[in-house]
Amino acid sequence: GSREAPGAGAGVGVNRIRSDDGELMLPEGFPTAPKRCKKASQAFFDCFTEKGTQPEEGQADAGREALKACEQLLENYAKCLDRHADLKFHRVQEEYRVREASER
């Protein structure tokens, strides 16, 4: 098997995917994507975008449902972030970019 640094992993490292009450959540590193995580990042972003699209009338829990539907990809993404957090990042899809308050 693969070896991980102590504290690495989707449930343990900085980029954990579960809150203290067990709910799935986006990792702290979201939406960054280190170059070595391009495959894991893109797979999760694609799934989350597809599954998280809200119908026109709105669905308050669409994001939560998308996290559940994409849980394995989310875990892979978070683990990769933990392993490669110190590497250079590449740009992510526009909808995942953080905007300054003045740009909103």
PDB file of N, CA and C in Angstrom:
ATOM      1  N   GLY A   1       0.816  -1.190   0.000  1.00  0.00           N
ATOM      2  CA  GLY A   1       0.000   0.000   0.000  1.00  0.00           C
ATOM      3  C   GLY A   1       0.850   1.240   0.000  1.00  0.00           C
ATOM      4  N   SER A   2       0.193   2.360  -0.129  1.00  0.00           N
ATOM      5  CA  SER A   2       0.913   3.628  -0.141  1.00  0.00           C
ATOM      6  C   SER A   2       1.130   4.109   1.283  1.00  0.00           C
ATOM      7  N   ARG A   3       2.182   4.853   1.455  1.00  0.00           N
ATOM      8  CA  ARG A   3       2.483   5.411   2.772  1.00  0.00           C
ATOM      9  C   ARG A   3       2.067   6.864   2.788  1.00  0.00           C
ATOM     10  N   GLU A   4       1.450   7.264   3.867  1.00  0.00           N
ATOM     11  CA  GLU A   4       1.048   8.650   4.020  1.00  0.00           C
ATOM     12  C   GLU A   4       1.730   9.227   5.242  1.00  0.00           C
ATOM     13  N   ALA A   5       1.982  10.499   5.185  1.00  0.00           N
ATOM     14  CA  ALA A   5       2.579  11.175   6.325  1.00  0.00           C
ATOM     15  C   ALA A   5       1.605  11.142   7.496  1.00  0.00           C
ATOM     16  N   PRO A   6       2.113  11.145   8.718  1.00  0.00           N
ATOM     17  CA  PRO A   6       1.212  11.194   9.865  1.00  0.00           C
ATOM     18  C   PRO A   6       0.283  12.395   9.750  1.00  0.00           C
ATOM     19  N   GLY A   7      -0.971  12.170  10.023  1.00  0.00           N
ATOM     20  CA  GLY A   7      -1.942  13.251   9.944  1.00  0.00           C
ATOM     21  C   GLY A   7      -2.532  13.443   8.563  1.00  0.00           C
ATOM     22  N   ALA A   8      -1.993  12.744   7.557  1.00  0.00           N
ATOM     23  CA  ALA A   8      -2.541  12.887   6.209  1.00  0.00           C
ATOM     24  C   ALA A   8      -3.796  12.044   6.098  1.00  0.00           C
ATOM     25  N   GLY A   9      -4.635  12.387   5.160  1.00  0.00           N
ATOM     26  CA  GLY A   9      -5.857  11.622   4.953  1.00  0.00           C
ATOM     27  C   GLY A   9      -7.068  12.507   5.067  1.00  0.00           C
ATOM     28  N   ALA A  10      -8.136  12.056   4.484  1.00  0.00           N
ATOM     29  CA  ALA A  10      -9.328  12.888   4.377  1.00  0.00           C
ATOM     30  C   ALA A  10      -9.987  13.167   5.718  1.00  0.00           C
ATOM     31  N   GLY A  11      -9.780  12.332   6.700  1.00  0.00           N
ATOM     32  CA  GLY A  11     -10.454  12.562   7.964  1.00  0.00           C
ATOM     33  C   GLY A  11      -9.558  13.128   9.040  1.00  0.00           C
ATOM     34  N   VAL A  12      -8.262  13.217   8.780  1.00  0.00           N
ATOM     35  CA  VAL A  12      -7.322  13.550   9.830  1.00  0.00           C
ATOM     36  C   VAL A  12      -6.580  14.854   9.565  1.00  0.00           C
ATOM     37  N   GLY A  13      -6.134  15.077   8.343  1.00  0.00           N
ATOM     38  CA  GLY A  13      -5.297  16.225   8.026  1.00  0.00           C
ATOM     39  C   GLY A  13      -6.059  17.533   8.018  1.00  0.00           C
ATOM     40  N   VAL A  14      -5.366  18.560   7.598  1.00  0.00           N
ATOM     41  CA  VAL A  14      -5.951  19.892   7.505  1.00  0.00           C
ATOM     42  C   VAL A  14      -7.173  19.860   6.587  1.00  0.00           C
ATOM     43  N   ASN A  15      -7.100  19.057   5.553  1.00  0.00           N
ATOM     44  CA  ASN A  15      -8.152  19.017   4.546  1.00  0.00           C
ATOM     45  C   ASN A  15      -9.171  17.916   4.805  1.00  0.00           C
ATOM     46  N   ARG A  16      -9.625  17.826   6.026  1.00  0.00           N
ATOM     47  CA  ARG A  16     -10.618  16.811   6.364  1.00  0.00           C
ATOM     48  C   ARG A  16     -11.934  17.110   5.665  1.00  0.00           C
ATOM     49  N   ILE A  17     -12.742  16.071   5.461  1.00  0.00           N
ATOM     50  CA  ILE A  17     -13.996  16.231   4.723  1.00  0.00           C
ATOM     51  C   ILE A  17     -15.226  16.016   5.596  1.00  0.00           C
ATOM     52  N   ARG A  18     -15.033  15.846   6.885  1.00  0.00           N
ATOM     53  CA  ARG A  18     -16.172  15.692   7.797  1.00  0.00           C
ATOM     54  C   ARG A  18     -16.052  16.699   8.928  1.00  0.00           C
ATOM     55  N   SER A  19     -17.174  17.315   9.248  1.00  0.00           N
ATOM     56  CA  SER A  19     -17.206  18.249  10.365  1.00  0.00           C
ATOM     57  C   SER A  19     -17.200  17.452  11.667  1.00  0.00           C
ATOM     58  N   ASP A  20     -17.114  18.140  12.773  1.00  0.00           N
ATOM     59  CA  ASP A  20     -17.110  17.464  14.074  1.00  0.00           C
ATOM     60  C   ASP A  20     -18.381  16.652  14.307  1.00  0.00           C
ATOM     61  N   ASP A  21     -19.482  17.065  13.683  1.00  0.00           N
ATOM     62  CA  ASP A  21     -20.730  16.315  13.844  1.00  0.00           C
ATOM     63  C   ASP A  21     -20.943  15.270  12.744  1.00  0.00           C
ATOM     64  N   GLY A  22     -19.911  15.035  11.924  1.00  0.00           N
ATOM     65  CA  GLY A  22     -19.972  13.961  10.936  1.00  0.00           C
ATOM     66  C   GLY A  22     -20.503  14.344   9.567  1.00  0.00           C
ATOM     67  N   GLU A  23     -20.894  15.599   9.384  1.00  0.00           N
ATOM     68  CA  GLU A  23     -21.410  16.040   8.085  1.00  0.00           C
ATOM     69  C   GLU A  23     -20.262  16.183   7.086  1.00  0.00           C
ATOM     70  N   LEU A  24     -20.516  15.795   5.838  1.00  0.00           N
ATOM     71  CA  LEU A  24     -19.525  16.025   4.787  1.00  0.00           C
ATOM     72  C   LEU A  24     -19.365  17.523   4.581  1.00  0.00           C
ATOM     73  N   MET A  25     -18.141  17.938   4.290  1.00  0.00           N
ATOM     74  CA  MET A  25     -17.865  19.351   4.038  1.00  0.00           C
ATOM     75  C   MET A  25     -16.708  19.462   3.054  1.00  0.00           C
ATOM     76  N   LEU A  26     -16.575  20.625   2.469  1.00  0.00           N
ATOM     77  CA  LEU A  26     -15.453  20.873   1.573  1.00  0.00           C
ATOM     78  C   LEU A  26     -14.183  21.021   2.402  1.00  0.00           C
ATOM     79  N   PRO A  27     -13.068  20.511   1.902  1.00  0.00           N
ATOM     80  CA  PRO A  27     -11.816  20.631   2.654  1.00  0.00           C
ATOM     81  C   PRO A  27     -11.344  22.079   2.709  1.00  0.00           C
ATOM     82  N   GLU A  28     -10.527  22.376   3.691  1.00  0.00           N
ATOM     83  CA  GLU A  28     -10.016  23.733   3.876  1.00  0.00           C
ATOM     84  C   GLU A  28      -9.311  24.245   2.622  1.00  0.00           C
ATOM     85  N   GLY A  29      -8.650  23.368   1.891  1.00  0.00           N
ATOM     86  CA  GLY A  29      -7.911  23.771   0.699  1.00  0.00           C
ATOM     87  C   GLY A  29      -8.760  24.040  -0.530  1.00  0.00           C
ATOM     88  N   PHE A  30     -10.039  23.722  -0.493  1.00  0.00           N
ATOM     89  CA  PHE A  30     -10.928  23.940  -1.636  1.00  0.00           C
ATOM     90  C   PHE A  30     -11.011  25.421  -1.949  1.00  0.00           C
ATOM     91  N   PRO A  31     -10.901  25.865  -3.179  1.00  0.00           N
ATOM     92  CA  PRO A  31     -10.856  25.134  -4.437  1.00  0.00           C
ATOM     93  C   PRO A  31      -9.466  25.048  -5.050  1.00  0.00           C
ATOM     94  N   THR A  32      -8.420  25.114  -4.248  1.00  0.00           N
ATOM     95  CA  THR A  32      -7.077  25.051  -4.801  1.00  0.00           C
ATOM     96  C   THR A  32      -6.790  23.670  -5.381  1.00  0.00           C
ATOM     97  N   ALA A  33      -5.827  23.634  -6.280  1.00  0.00           N
ATOM     98  CA  ALA A  33      -5.499  22.378  -6.941  1.00  0.00           C
ATOM     99  C   ALA A  33      -4.012  22.330  -7.271  1.00  0.00           C
ATOM    100  N   PRO A  34      -3.210  21.708  -6.401  1.00  0.00           N
ATOM    101  CA  PRO A  34      -1.794  21.561  -6.732  1.00  0.00           C
ATOM    102  C   PRO A  34      -1.642  20.817  -8.058  1.00  0.00           C
ATOM    103  N   LYS A  35      -0.594  21.130  -8.785  1.00  0.00           N
ATOM    104  CA  LYS A  35      -0.389  20.501 -10.093  1.00  0.00           C
ATOM    105  C   LYS A  35      -0.427  18.979 -10.009  1.00  0.00           C
ATOM    106  N   ARG A  36       0.133  18.410  -8.959  1.00  0.00           N
ATOM    107  CA  ARG A  36       0.133  16.947  -8.824  1.00  0.00           C
ATOM    108  C   ARG A  36      -1.246  16.395  -8.477  1.00  0.00           C
ATOM    109  N   CYS A  37      -2.186  17.264  -8.185  1.00  0.00           N
ATOM    110  CA  CYS A  37      -3.554  16.837  -7.859  1.00  0.00           C
ATOM    111  C   CYS A  37      -4.526  17.149  -8.992  1.00  0.00           C
ATOM    112  N   LYS A  38      -4.001  17.448 -10.153  1.00  0.00           N
ATOM    113  CA  LYS A  38      -4.871  17.873 -11.254  1.00  0.00           C
ATOM    114  C   LYS A  38      -5.961  16.844 -11.552  1.00  0.00           C
ATOM    115  N   LYS A  39      -5.598  15.574 -11.619  1.00  0.00           N
ATOM    116  CA  LYS A  39      -6.574  14.532 -11.946  1.00  0.00           C
ATOM    117  C   LYS A  39      -7.642  14.414 -10.852  1.00  0.00           C
ATOM    118  N   ALA A  40      -7.209  14.344  -9.601  1.00  0.00           N
ATOM    119  CA  ALA A  40      -8.153  14.220  -8.485  1.00  0.00           C
ATOM    120  C   ALA A  40      -9.017  15.474  -8.364  1.00  0.00           C
ATOM    121  N   SER A  41      -8.396  16.635  -8.556  1.00  0.00           N
ATOM    122  CA  SER A  41      -9.132  17.899  -8.466  1.00  0.00           C
ATOM    123  C   SER A  41     -10.191  17.983  -9.546  1.00  0.00           C
ATOM    124  N   GLN A  42      -9.795  17.717 -10.775  1.00  0.00           N
ATOM    125  CA  GLN A  42     -10.725  17.845 -11.894  1.00  0.00           C
ATOM    126  C   GLN A  42     -11.879  16.857 -11.771  1.00  0.00           C
ATOM    127  N   ALA A  43     -11.576  15.631 -11.351  1.00  0.00           N
ATOM    128  CA  ALA A  43     -12.636  14.627 -11.192  1.00  0.00           C
ATOM    129  C   ALA A  43     -13.654  15.092 -10.149  1.00  0.00           C
ATOM    130  N   PHE A  44     -13.165  15.608  -9.016  1.00  0.00           N
ATOM    131  CA  PHE A  44     -14.088  16.090  -7.987  1.00  0.00           C
ATOM    132  C   PHE A  44     -14.841  17.325  -8.467  1.00  0.00           C
ATOM    133  N   PHE A  45     -14.136  18.303  -9.057  1.00  0.00           N
ATOM    134  CA  PHE A  45     -14.798  19.529  -9.521  1.00  0.00           C
ATOM    135  C   PHE A  45     -15.891  19.211 -10.538  1.00  0.00           C
ATOM    136  N   ASP A  46     -15.599  18.299 -11.465  1.00  0.00           N
ATOM    137  CA  ASP A  46     -16.593  17.932 -12.480  1.00  0.00           C
ATOM    138  C   ASP A  46     -17.824  17.304 -11.835  1.00  0.00           C
ATOM    139  N   CYS A  47     -17.599  16.379 -10.920  1.00  0.00           N
ATOM    140  CA  CYS A  47     -18.707  15.716 -10.238  1.00  0.00           C
ATOM    141  C   CYS A  47     -19.511  16.722  -9.418  1.00  0.00           C
ATOM    142  N   PHE A  48     -18.819  17.542  -8.643  1.00  0.00           N
ATOM    143  CA  PHE A  48     -19.488  18.498  -7.762  1.00  0.00           C
ATOM    144  C   PHE A  48     -20.282  19.525  -8.571  1.00  0.00           C
ATOM    145  N   THR A  49     -19.729  19.948  -9.703  1.00  0.00           N
ATOM    146  CA  THR A  49     -20.441  20.891 -10.571  1.00  0.00           C
ATOM    147  C   THR A  49     -21.705  20.252 -11.131  1.00  0.00           C
ATOM    148  N   GLU A  50     -21.567  19.025 -11.618  1.00  0.00           N
ATOM    149  CA  GLU A  50     -22.713  18.329 -12.205  1.00  0.00           C
ATOM    150  C   GLU A  50     -23.791  18.030 -11.162  1.00  0.00           C
ATOM    151  N   LYS A  51     -23.401  17.471 -10.053  1.00  0.00           N
ATOM    152  CA  LYS A  51     -24.368  17.043  -9.034  1.00  0.00           C
ATOM    153  C   LYS A  51     -24.879  18.199  -8.180  1.00  0.00           C
ATOM    154  N   GLY A  52     -24.128  19.296  -8.123  1.00  0.00           N
ATOM    155  CA  GLY A  52     -24.499  20.403  -7.251  1.00  0.00           C
ATOM    156  C   GLY A  52     -25.300  21.498  -7.917  1.00  0.00           C
ATOM    157  N   THR A  53     -25.614  21.327  -9.187  1.00  0.00           N
ATOM    158  CA  THR A  53     -26.396  22.339  -9.885  1.00  0.00           C
ATOM    159  C   THR A  53     -27.806  22.376  -9.309  1.00  0.00           C
ATOM    160  N   GLN A  54     -28.208  23.555  -8.869  1.00  0.00           N
ATOM    161  CA  GLN A  54     -29.533  23.698  -8.271  1.00  0.00           C
ATOM    162  C   GLN A  54     -30.579  23.909  -9.357  1.00  0.00           C
ATOM    163  N   PRO A  55     -31.744  23.299  -9.185  1.00  0.00           N
ATOM    164  CA  PRO A  55     -32.835  23.577 -10.116  1.00  0.00           C
ATOM    165  C   PRO A  55     -33.235  25.051  -9.992  1.00  0.00           C
ATOM    166  N   GLU A  56     -33.937  25.559 -10.981  1.00  0.00           N
ATOM    167  CA  GLU A  56     -34.298  26.983 -10.984  1.00  0.00           C
ATOM    168  C   GLU A  56     -35.008  27.419  -9.715  1.00  0.00           C
ATOM    169  N   GLU A  57     -35.883  26.577  -9.183  1.00  0.00           N
ATOM    170  CA  GLU A  57     -36.618  26.963  -7.978  1.00  0.00           C
ATOM    171  C   GLU A  57     -35.748  26.899  -6.724  1.00  0.00           C
ATOM    172  N   GLY A  58     -34.538  26.397  -6.874  1.00  0.00           N
ATOM    173  CA  GLY A  58     -33.602  26.338  -5.751  1.00  0.00           C
ATOM    174  C   GLY A  58     -33.816  25.101  -4.900  1.00  0.00           C
ATOM    175  N   GLN A  59     -32.755  24.584  -4.429  1.00  0.00           N
ATOM    176  CA  GLN A  59     -32.790  23.411  -3.563  1.00  0.00           C
ATOM    177  C   GLN A  59     -31.711  23.642  -2.520  1.00  0.00           C
ATOM    178  N   ALA A  60     -32.127  23.969  -1.333  1.00  0.00           N
ATOM    179  CA  ALA A  60     -31.202  24.381  -0.283  1.00  0.00           C
ATOM    180  C   ALA A  60     -30.100  23.363  -0.003  1.00  0.00           C
ATOM    181  N   ASP A  61     -30.397  22.090  -0.149  1.00  0.00           N
ATOM    182  CA  ASP A  61     -29.395  21.079   0.191  1.00  0.00           C
ATOM    183  C   ASP A  61     -28.708  20.472  -1.027  1.00  0.00           C
ATOM    184  N   ALA A  62     -28.745  21.149  -2.175  1.00  0.00           N
ATOM    185  CA  ALA A  62     -28.106  20.623  -3.391  1.00  0.00           C
ATOM    186  C   ALA A  62     -26.610  20.403  -3.177  1.00  0.00           C
ATOM    187  N   GLY A  63     -25.953  21.328  -2.500  1.00  0.00           N
ATOM    188  CA  GLY A  63     -24.520  21.187  -2.239  1.00  0.00           C
ATOM    189  C   GLY A  63     -24.217  19.991  -1.363  1.00  0.00           C
ATOM    190  N   ARG A  64     -25.021  19.799  -0.338  1.00  0.00           N
ATOM    191  CA  ARG A  64     -24.836  18.662   0.570  1.00  0.00           C
ATOM    192  C   ARG A  64     -25.050  17.345  -0.178  1.00  0.00           C
ATOM    193  N   GLU A  65     -26.075  17.314  -1.013  1.00  0.00           N
ATOM    194  CA  GLU A  65     -26.351  16.108  -1.801  1.00  0.00           C
ATOM    195  C   GLU A  65     -25.219  15.841  -2.795  1.00  0.00           C
ATOM    196  N   ALA A  66     -24.667  16.904  -3.363  1.00  0.00           N
ATOM    197  CA  ALA A  66     -23.553  16.751  -4.299  1.00  0.00           C
ATOM    198  C   ALA A  66     -22.326  16.180  -3.587  1.00  0.00           C
ATOM    199  N   LEU A  67     -22.074  16.635  -2.370  1.00  0.00           N
ATOM    200  CA  LEU A  67     -20.942  16.088  -1.611  1.00  0.00           C
ATOM    201  C   LEU A  67     -21.133  14.599  -1.365  1.00  0.00           C
ATOM    202  N   LYS A  68     -22.357  14.196  -1.032  1.00  0.00           N
ATOM    203  CA  LYS A  68     -22.637  12.772  -0.813  1.00  0.00           C
ATOM    204  C   LYS A  68     -22.421  11.977  -2.097  1.00  0.00           C
ATOM    205  N   ALA A  69     -22.917  12.502  -3.212  1.00  0.00           N
ATOM    206  CA  ALA A  69     -22.798  11.808  -4.496  1.00  0.00           C
ATOM    207  C   ALA A  69     -21.343  11.700  -4.951  1.00  0.00           C
ATOM    208  N   CYS A  70     -20.530  12.650  -4.545  1.00  0.00           N
ATOM    209  CA  CYS A  70     -19.130  12.712  -4.987  1.00  0.00           C
ATOM    210  C   CYS A  70     -18.161  12.378  -3.853  1.00  0.00           C
ATOM    211  N   GLU A  71     -18.627  11.703  -2.827  1.00  0.00           N
ATOM    212  CA  GLU A  71     -17.829  11.501  -1.611  1.00  0.00           C
ATOM    213  C   GLU A  71     -16.470  10.856  -1.877  1.00  0.00           C
ATOM    214  N   GLN A  72     -16.413   9.816  -2.689  1.00  0.00           N
ATOM    215  CA  GLN A  72     -15.129   9.152  -2.937  1.00  0.00           C
ATOM    216  C   GLN A  72     -14.163  10.087  -3.665  1.00  0.00           C
ATOM    217  N   LEU A  73     -14.670  10.839  -4.629  1.00  0.00           N
ATOM    218  CA  LEU A  73     -13.826  11.797  -5.353  1.00  0.00           C
ATOM    219  C   LEU A  73     -13.383  12.926  -4.424  1.00  0.00           C
ATOM    220  N   LEU A  74     -14.276  13.345  -3.529  1.00  0.00           N
ATOM    221  CA  LEU A  74     -13.946  14.363  -2.530  1.00  0.00           C
ATOM    222  C   LEU A  74     -12.828  13.858  -1.622  1.00  0.00           C
ATOM    223  N   GLU A  75     -12.929  12.620  -1.201  1.00  0.00           N
ATOM    224  CA  GLU A  75     -11.900  12.038  -0.334  1.00  0.00           C
ATOM    225  C   GLU A  75     -10.553  11.983  -1.056  1.00  0.00           C
ATOM    226  N   ASN A  76     -10.564  11.563  -2.315  1.00  0.00           N
ATOM    227  CA  ASN A  76      -9.322  11.514  -3.097  1.00  0.00           C
ATOM    228  C   ASN A  76      -8.707  12.907  -3.232  1.00  0.00           C
ATOM    229  N   TYR A  77      -9.543  13.894  -3.503  1.00  0.00           N
ATOM    230  CA  TYR A  77      -9.097  15.284  -3.641  1.00  0.00           C
ATOM    231  C   TYR A  77      -8.482  15.776  -2.327  1.00  0.00           C
ATOM    232  N   ALA A  78      -9.163  15.545  -1.211  1.00  0.00           N
ATOM    233  CA  ALA A  78      -8.672  16.004   0.093  1.00  0.00           C
ATOM    234  C   ALA A  78      -7.354  15.327   0.466  1.00  0.00           C
ATOM    235  N   LYS A  79      -7.250  14.037   0.203  1.00  0.00           N
ATOM    236  CA  LYS A  79      -6.004  13.328   0.498  1.00  0.00           C
ATOM    237  C   LYS A  79      -4.856  13.900  -0.325  1.00  0.00           C
ATOM    238  N   CYS A  80      -5.128  14.193  -1.579  1.00  0.00           N
ATOM    239  CA  CYS A  80      -4.095  14.754  -2.437  1.00  0.00           C
ATOM    240  C   CYS A  80      -3.692  16.144  -1.941  1.00  0.00           C
ATOM    241  N   LEU A  81      -4.659  16.945  -1.535  1.00  0.00           N
ATOM    242  CA  LEU A  81      -4.330  18.267  -0.981  1.00  0.00           C
ATOM    243  C   LEU A  81      -3.418  18.130   0.230  1.00  0.00           C
ATOM    244  N   ASP A  82      -3.710  17.175   1.090  1.00  0.00           N
ATOM    245  CA  ASP A  82      -2.874  16.977   2.274  1.00  0.00           C
ATOM    246  C   ASP A  82      -1.451  16.574   1.893  1.00  0.00           C
ATOM    247  N   ARG A  83      -1.331  15.728   0.882  1.00  0.00           N
ATOM    248  CA  ARG A  83       0.002  15.260   0.471  1.00  0.00           C
ATOM    249  C   ARG A  83       0.802  16.335  -0.249  1.00  0.00           C
ATOM    250  N   HIS A  84       0.126  17.205  -0.981  1.00  0.00           N
ATOM    251  CA  HIS A  84       0.834  18.134  -1.870  1.00  0.00           C
ATOM    252  C   HIS A  84       0.525  19.600  -1.585  1.00  0.00           C
ATOM    253  N   ALA A  85       0.162  19.915  -0.374  1.00  0.00           N
ATOM    254  CA  ALA A  85      -0.240  21.284  -0.030  1.00  0.00           C
ATOM    255  C   ALA A  85       0.867  22.306  -0.235  1.00  0.00           C
ATOM    256  N   ASP A  86       2.107  21.873  -0.217  1.00  0.00           N
ATOM    257  CA  ASP A  86       3.218  22.815  -0.340  1.00  0.00           C
ATOM    258  C   ASP A  86       3.636  23.070  -1.786  1.00  0.00           C
ATOM    259  N   LEU A  87       2.949  22.467  -2.740  1.00  0.00           N
ATOM    260  CA  LEU A  87       3.317  22.619  -4.146  1.00  0.00           C
ATOM    261  C   LEU A  87       2.604  23.807  -4.777  1.00  0.00           C
ATOM    262  N   LYS A  88       3.096  24.229  -5.938  1.00  0.00           N
ATOM    263  CA  LYS A  88       2.455  25.323  -6.667  1.00  0.00           C
ATOM    264  C   LYS A  88       1.063  24.897  -7.112  1.00  0.00           C
ATOM    265  N   PHE A  89       0.188  25.863  -7.178  1.00  0.00           N
ATOM    266  CA  PHE A  89      -1.189  25.606  -7.568  1.00  0.00           C
ATOM    267  C   PHE A  89      -1.421  26.038  -9.003  1.00  0.00           C
ATOM    268  N   HIS A  90      -2.447  25.478  -9.618  1.00  0.00           N
ATOM    269  CA  HIS A  90      -2.856  25.961 -10.936  1.00  0.00           C
ATOM    270  C   HIS A  90      -4.253  26.542 -10.807  1.00  0.00           C
ATOM    271  N   ARG A  91      -4.637  27.305 -11.791  1.00  0.00           N
ATOM    272  CA  ARG A  91      -5.942  27.961 -11.750  1.00  0.00           C
ATOM    273  C   ARG A  91      -7.058  26.933 -11.850  1.00  0.00           C
ATOM    274  N   VAL A  92      -8.131  27.202 -11.146  1.00  0.00           N
ATOM    275  CA  VAL A  92      -9.284  26.314 -11.176  1.00  0.00           C
ATOM    276  C   VAL A  92     -10.407  26.971 -11.968  1.00  0.00           C
ATOM    277  N   GLN A  93     -11.442  26.203 -12.219  1.00  0.00           N
ATOM    278  CA  GLN A  93     -12.579  26.707 -12.974  1.00  0.00           C
ATOM    279  C   GLN A  93     -13.094  28.004 -12.365  1.00  0.00           C
ATOM    280  N   GLU A  94     -13.597  28.885 -13.196  1.00  0.00           N
ATOM    281  CA  GLU A  94     -14.062  30.210 -12.774  1.00  0.00           C
ATOM    282  C   GLU A  94     -15.030  30.146 -11.595  1.00  0.00           C
ATOM    283  N   GLU A  95     -15.980  29.223 -11.636  1.00  0.00           N
ATOM    284  CA  GLU A  95     -16.999  29.188 -10.584  1.00  0.00           C
ATOM    285  C   GLU A  95     -16.441  28.807  -9.213  1.00  0.00           C
ATOM    286  N   TYR A  96     -15.218  28.287  -9.169  1.00  0.00           N
ATOM    287  CA  TYR A  96     -14.626  27.906  -7.890  1.00  0.00           C
ATOM    288  C   TYR A  96     -13.602  28.915  -7.388  1.00  0.00           C
ATOM    289  N   ARG A  97     -13.395  29.978  -8.120  1.00  0.00           N
ATOM    290  CA  ARG A  97     -12.417  30.972  -7.693  1.00  0.00           C
ATOM    291  C   ARG A  97     -13.000  31.860  -6.614  1.00  0.00           C
ATOM    292  N   VAL A  98     -12.172  32.201  -5.662  1.00  0.00           N
ATOM    293  CA  VAL A  98     -12.583  33.087  -4.578  1.00  0.00           C
ATOM    294  C   VAL A  98     -12.519  34.512  -5.096  1.00  0.00           C
ATOM    295  N   ARG A  99     -13.569  35.263  -4.851  1.00  0.00           N
ATOM    296  CA  ARG A  99     -13.612  36.650  -5.300  1.00  0.00           C
ATOM    297  C   ARG A  99     -13.510  37.572  -4.092  1.00  0.00           C
ATOM    298  N   GLU A 100     -12.838  38.670  -4.297  1.00  0.00           N
ATOM    299  CA  GLU A 100     -12.770  39.685  -3.253  1.00  0.00           C
ATOM    300  C   GLU A 100     -14.151  40.314  -3.107  1.00  0.00           C
ATOM    301  N   ALA A 101     -14.452  40.834  -1.941  1.00  0.00           N
ATOM    302  CA  ALA A 101     -15.762  41.434  -1.685  1.00  0.00           C
ATOM    303  C   ALA A 101     -16.089  42.526  -2.697  1.00  0.00           C
ATOM    304  N   SER A 102     -15.091  43.270  -3.144  1.00  0.00           N
ATOM    305  CA  SER A 102     -15.316  44.357  -4.096  1.00  0.00           C
ATOM    306  C   SER A 102     -15.679  43.851  -5.491  1.00  0.00           C
ATOM    307  N   GLU A 103     -15.429  42.569  -5.772  1.00  0.00           N
ATOM    308  CA  GLU A 103     -15.715  42.001  -7.091  1.00  0.00           C
ATOM    309  C   GLU A 103     -17.101  41.384  -7.172  1.00  0.00           C
ATOM    310  N   ARG A 104     -17.789  41.249  -6.070  1.00  0.00           N
ATOM    311  CA  ARG A 104     -19.081  40.547  -6.053  1.00  0.00           C
ATOM    312  C   ARG A 104     -20.208  41.421  -6.517  1.00  0.00           C
TER     313      ARG A 104
END
